[in-house]
Amino acid sequence: MLPPNALLCGEAILLLTLATLGQRLAPFRYLALTLGESQRELPDTHPPRAANLSLRVSRGVQRAANGLPWHTTCLERAVAAKWMLRRRRVPSTLYLGVRRSGPGLIAHAWLRSGPAIVTGGIEESATYPPIAWFS
């Protein structure tokens, strides 16, 4: 029998692959349909059980992404983690933000569950004003 962390990483690899394919092969509006209600933000509190699951999913997605033979984007990681948390009935909000960089814009995606940033990093997410979110 496989240890729980191995199963979690296996699930993360599968969902990161699906998120990557979805982002590269289809317009974002189709991927957005899988992310929940648009422009709805969930509260920044949740039960202790959810906090533990959020942390485990965060670590699993990070490990899986680091082991893949291709680079995964912040959006792909946030989407995979969102799907994993939904499967476990843990509420989360996925954010899309942008900031100016010279003449252009830079985009960033992150996932929050309760008060915790699951993917995308606290420092990074603070510098990108959100333009859309999904719960």
Protein backbone atom coordinates (compact mmCIF):
# COMPACT_ATOMS: atom_id res chain seq x y z
CA MET A 1 0.00 0.00 0.00
CA LEU A 2 1.27 3.47 -0.90
CA PRO A 3 1.78 6.09 1.82
CA PRO A 4 -0.77 8.94 1.89
CA ASN A 5 1.79 11.51 0.68
CA ALA A 6 2.55 9.40 -2.40
CA LEU A 7 -1.16 9.22 -3.24
CA LEU A 8 -1.50 12.97 -2.74
CA CYS A 9 1.48 13.66 -5.04
CA GLY A 10 0.07 11.26 -7.63
CA GLU A 11 -3.24 13.10 -7.57
CA ALA A 12 -1.40 16.42 -7.86
CA ILE A 13 0.61 15.18 -10.87
CA LEU A 14 -2.58 14.11 -12.63
CA LEU A 15 -4.40 17.38 -11.92
CA LEU A 16 -1.38 19.54 -12.81
CA THR A 17 -1.23 17.72 -16.13
CA LEU A 18 -4.94 18.33 -16.75
CA ALA A 19 -4.64 21.98 -15.73
CA THR A 20 -1.66 22.44 -18.06
CA LEU A 21 -3.51 20.86 -20.97
CA GLY A 22 -6.62 22.90 -20.20
CA GLN A 23 -4.70 26.16 -20.09
CA ARG A 24 -2.76 25.46 -23.28
CA LEU A 25 -5.51 23.94 -25.41
CA ALA A 26 -8.69 25.81 -24.49
CA PRO A 27 -9.73 29.41 -23.93
CA PHE A 28 -9.67 30.45 -20.26
CA ARG A 29 -13.45 30.84 -20.15
CA TYR A 30 -13.79 27.03 -20.32
CA LEU A 31 -11.26 26.46 -17.57
CA ALA A 32 -13.03 29.14 -15.48
CA LEU A 33 -16.21 27.04 -15.54
CA THR A 34 -14.43 24.49 -13.32
CA LEU A 35 -13.27 27.03 -10.73
CA GLY A 36 -16.54 27.94 -9.03
CA GLU A 37 -18.61 31.08 -8.84
CA SER A 38 -16.96 34.14 -10.39
CA GLN A 39 -16.45 37.31 -8.29
CA ARG A 40 -17.43 35.52 -5.07
CA GLU A 41 -14.91 35.53 -2.24
CA LEU A 42 -15.11 33.15 0.70
CA PRO A 43 -14.39 34.18 4.32
CA ASP A 44 -10.84 33.86 5.61
CA THR A 45 -11.77 31.37 8.34
CA HIS A 46 -12.33 27.62 8.31
CA PRO A 47 -12.31 24.67 10.70
CA PRO A 48 -8.96 23.20 11.90
CA ARG A 49 -9.43 20.06 9.76
CA ALA A 50 -9.54 22.24 6.64
CA ALA A 51 -6.33 24.02 7.63
CA ASN A 52 -4.47 20.69 7.82
CA LEU A 53 -5.84 19.56 4.45
CA SER A 54 -4.94 22.89 2.84
CA LEU A 55 -1.36 22.55 4.04
CA ARG A 56 -1.09 18.95 2.79
CA VAL A 57 -2.50 19.91 -0.62
CA SER A 58 -0.12 22.88 -0.82
CA ARG A 59 2.89 20.66 -0.13
CA GLY A 60 1.66 17.95 -2.51
CA VAL A 61 1.17 20.36 -5.41
CA GLN A 62 4.58 21.95 -4.78
CA ARG A 63 6.37 18.58 -4.69
CA ALA A 64 4.54 17.31 -7.77
CA ALA A 65 5.20 20.49 -9.75
CA ASN A 66 8.90 20.40 -8.89
CA GLY A 67 9.13 16.82 -10.14
CA LEU A 68 7.44 17.31 -13.50
CA PRO A 69 9.55 17.47 -16.66
CA TRP A 70 7.89 20.75 -17.67
CA HIS A 71 7.43 24.10 -15.94
CA THR A 72 4.01 24.66 -14.41
CA THR A 73 2.62 28.17 -14.11
CA CYS A 74 1.12 29.74 -11.02
CA LEU A 75 -2.32 29.39 -12.66
CA GLU A 76 -1.87 25.66 -13.27
CA ARG A 77 -0.77 25.11 -9.67
CA ALA A 78 -3.67 27.15 -8.29
CA VAL A 79 -6.20 25.30 -10.47
CA ALA A 80 -4.87 21.87 -9.50
CA ALA A 81 -4.92 22.77 -5.80
CA LYS A 82 -8.44 24.21 -6.15
CA TRP A 83 -9.67 20.94 -7.67
CA MET A 84 -7.95 18.93 -4.94
CA LEU A 85 -9.48 21.01 -2.15
CA ARG A 86 -12.94 20.89 -3.73
CA ARG A 87 -12.71 17.09 -3.85
CA ARG A 88 -12.07 17.21 -0.08
CA ARG A 89 -14.91 19.70 0.50
CA VAL A 90 -12.51 22.42 1.65
CA PRO A 91 -13.62 25.90 0.53
CA SER A 92 -11.11 28.08 -1.32
CA THR A 93 -10.88 31.19 -3.47
CA LEU A 94 -8.68 31.38 -6.57
CA TYR A 95 -7.44 34.90 -7.41
CA LEU A 96 -6.13 36.36 -10.65
CA GLY A 97 -4.13 39.56 -10.34
CA VAL A 98 -2.05 41.84 -12.56
CA ARG A 99 0.52 44.57 -12.05
CA ARG A 100 2.35 46.94 -14.33
CA SER A 101 5.89 46.15 -15.38
CA GLY A 102 7.29 48.81 -17.65
CA PRO A 103 5.03 49.14 -20.69
CA GLY A 104 3.27 45.80 -20.06
CA LEU A 105 1.42 43.79 -17.45
CA ILE A 106 2.45 40.74 -15.45
CA ALA A 107 -0.21 38.29 -14.27
CA HIS A 108 -0.23 36.06 -11.20
CA ALA A 109 -2.65 33.47 -9.79
CA TRP A 110 -2.91 32.26 -6.21
CA LEU A 111 -5.23 30.16 -4.10
CA ARG A 112 -6.43 30.98 -0.60
CA SER A 113 -8.22 28.62 1.76
CA GLY A 114 -9.31 30.27 4.97
CA PRO A 115 -6.47 32.57 6.06
CA ALA A 116 -3.77 30.48 4.33
CA ILE A 117 -2.29 31.03 0.87
CA VAL A 118 -2.19 27.49 -0.58
CA THR A 119 -0.35 28.32 -3.81
CA GLY A 120 1.17 31.51 -5.18
CA GLY A 121 3.00 32.78 -2.11
CA ILE A 122 2.02 35.49 0.34
CA GLU A 123 4.65 37.98 -0.84
CA GLU A 124 3.77 37.59 -4.52
CA SER A 125 0.02 37.75 -4.04
CA ALA A 126 0.28 40.99 -2.05
CA THR A 127 1.85 42.83 -5.00
CA TYR A 128 -0.78 41.85 -7.61
CA PRO A 129 -4.13 43.61 -7.23
CA PRO A 130 -6.86 41.00 -7.90
CA ILE A 131 -8.97 41.53 -11.00
CA ALA A 132 -11.00 38.30 -10.75
CA TRP A 133 -11.66 35.59 -8.20
CA PHE A 134 -13.52 32.29 -8.11
CA SER A 135 -15.02 30.46 -5.14
